[in-house]
Structures are given as structure tokens and as C-alpha cells.
Protein backbone atom coordinates (compact mmCIF):
# COMPACT_ATOMS: atom_id res chain seq x y z
CA UNK A 1 24.67 -1.12 -9.86
CA UNK A 2 21.77 -2.06 -7.57
CA UNK A 3 19.64 0.81 -6.35
CA UNK A 4 18.81 0.71 -2.66
CA UNK A 5 15.26 0.62 -1.36
CA UNK A 6 14.28 4.03 -0.08
CA UNK A 7 12.13 4.57 3.03
CA UNK A 8 10.11 7.73 3.47
CA UNK A 9 8.11 9.16 6.33
CA UNK A 10 4.34 9.07 6.47
CA UNK A 11 4.33 12.85 5.88
CA UNK A 12 5.08 12.38 2.19
CA UNK A 13 2.60 11.77 -0.63
CA UNK A 14 3.51 9.56 -3.55
CA UNK A 15 3.11 11.08 -7.01
CA UNK A 16 1.00 9.33 -9.65
CA UNK A 17 3.26 7.49 -12.13
CA UNK A 18 2.02 6.61 -15.61
CA UNK A 19 4.04 4.65 -18.16
CA UNK A 20 3.26 3.90 -21.79
CA UNK A 21 4.64 0.39 -22.39
CA UNK A 22 4.46 -2.82 -24.44
CA UNK A 23 4.53 -6.51 -23.58
CA UNK A 24 8.22 -6.95 -24.36
CA UNK A 25 10.30 -3.88 -23.54
CA UNK A 26 13.59 -4.18 -21.64
CA UNK A 27 13.75 -0.39 -21.14
CA UNK A 28 10.23 -0.47 -19.67
CA UNK A 29 11.34 -3.22 -17.29
CA UNK A 30 14.38 -1.17 -16.26
CA UNK A 31 12.22 1.91 -15.70
CA UNK A 32 9.76 -0.07 -13.57
CA UNK A 33 12.59 -1.59 -11.52
CA UNK A 34 14.15 1.84 -10.90
CA UNK A 35 10.83 3.34 -9.86
CA UNK A 36 10.01 0.42 -7.55
CA UNK A 37 13.45 0.66 -5.94
CA UNK A 38 12.67 4.32 -5.27
CA UNK A 39 9.53 3.29 -3.41
CA UNK A 40 6.87 3.61 -6.09
CA UNK A 41 4.23 1.03 -5.28
CA UNK A 42 1.93 1.47 -8.25
CA UNK A 43 2.59 2.37 -11.88
CA UNK A 44 -0.37 2.96 -14.18
CA UNK A 45 0.73 1.05 -17.27
CA UNK A 46 -0.80 1.87 -20.66
CA UNK A 47 -0.17 -0.95 -23.14
CA UNK A 48 0.22 0.66 -26.55
CA UNK A 49 0.77 -2.69 -28.27
CA UNK A 50 -2.77 -3.79 -27.41
CA UNK A 51 -4.51 -0.62 -28.56
CA UNK A 52 -3.05 1.30 -31.53
CA UNK A 53 -5.15 4.36 -30.64
CA UNK A 54 -3.22 4.61 -27.37
CA UNK A 55 0.11 4.67 -29.24
CA UNK A 56 -1.23 7.51 -31.37
CA UNK A 57 -2.32 9.29 -28.20
CA UNK A 58 1.18 8.78 -26.72
CA UNK A 59 2.85 10.12 -29.87
CA UNK A 60 0.63 13.17 -29.93
CA UNK A 61 1.32 13.91 -26.25
CA UNK A 62 5.05 13.22 -26.24
CA UNK A 63 6.19 13.66 -29.83
CA UNK A 64 7.92 10.28 -29.49
CA UNK A 65 7.25 6.83 -30.88
CA UNK A 66 9.27 4.69 -28.49
CA UNK A 67 8.39 3.17 -25.13
CA UNK A 68 8.59 3.65 -22.27
CA UNK A 69 7.20 7.14 -22.04
CA UNK A 70 6.92 8.06 -18.38
CA UNK A 71 4.84 10.69 -16.61
CA UNK A 72 5.15 11.65 -12.97
CA UNK A 73 1.92 13.41 -12.08
CA UNK A 74 1.39 15.52 -15.23
CA UNK A 75 5.06 16.03 -16.03
CA UNK A 76 6.47 14.13 -18.99
CA UNK A 77 9.82 12.67 -18.01
CA UNK A 78 10.65 10.85 -21.23
CA UNK A 79 12.03 7.36 -21.62
CA UNK A 80 14.27 5.24 -19.41
CA UNK A 81 17.43 7.18 -20.30
CA UNK A 82 15.85 10.45 -19.16
CA UNK A 83 14.43 8.80 -16.02
CA UNK A 84 17.86 7.41 -15.11
CA UNK A 85 19.59 10.75 -15.80
CA UNK A 86 17.00 12.51 -13.62
CA UNK A 87 17.69 10.02 -10.83
CA UNK A 88 21.47 10.42 -11.09
CA UNK A 89 21.07 14.21 -10.95
CA UNK A 90 19.03 13.91 -7.75
CA UNK A 91 15.80 15.15 -9.32
CA UNK A 92 13.69 11.97 -9.31
CA UNK A 93 12.88 11.62 -5.61
CA UNK A 94 11.60 15.24 -5.22
CA UNK A 95 9.17 14.52 -8.06
CA UNK A 96 8.01 11.24 -6.61
CA UNK A 97 7.46 12.35 -3.04
CA UNK A 98 5.72 15.53 -1.92
CA UNK A 99 5.09 16.78 1.63
CA UNK A 100 1.56 16.52 2.89
CA UNK A 101 -0.30 19.83 3.12
């Protein structure tokens, strides 16, 4: 299934997306593709394969060892499976886009 590109009005603010990742990670690629199809233009990627201390940081924050681990603003979403389930339940877009004050 191909996700459609989503267009939003200028009155919405994009959330900050952070993803712990590695060089080769099909689930990370799927997560990035899903987020980009939702309109995310920038993902702050943290490469845990390049710096072991960052993997330890990720594990302490999330309690998980696997990548991707995705945050939207300060909310831990989980991995790709949780991101996809959130999207299918209609909960992803409200986290990604907020109304301007």
C-alpha cells in the first residue's frame, strides 16, 4: 500500500521528529518513508552504530535495544510497528501537526 502525500495549511506547526537508527535498517527506512509521506520534511537521525554511547542512551531512555526508536517532540512512539499502528489508528497526524498559537 502506498501512502498518499498529505498537504497541510500554513496554520500548522510541524513537530520535531527524532529517530535512533543504524546504517542498514529496513524498518528505519520504512519509518522514514512513512513519516515523509505524511509531510515530515526533517528527521533528526541519531546513528547508534557509529557511537556506542548513543545506543546506551537510547536503551536507557526507551528500555529497548532495537532500532528504529522514534520520538515525536518528547513523546516516545516506539519502533516502526508502533508508528504504523499509530498511523492506522489515526493518531499519527495529530502528533505531527499542531495548530499555530
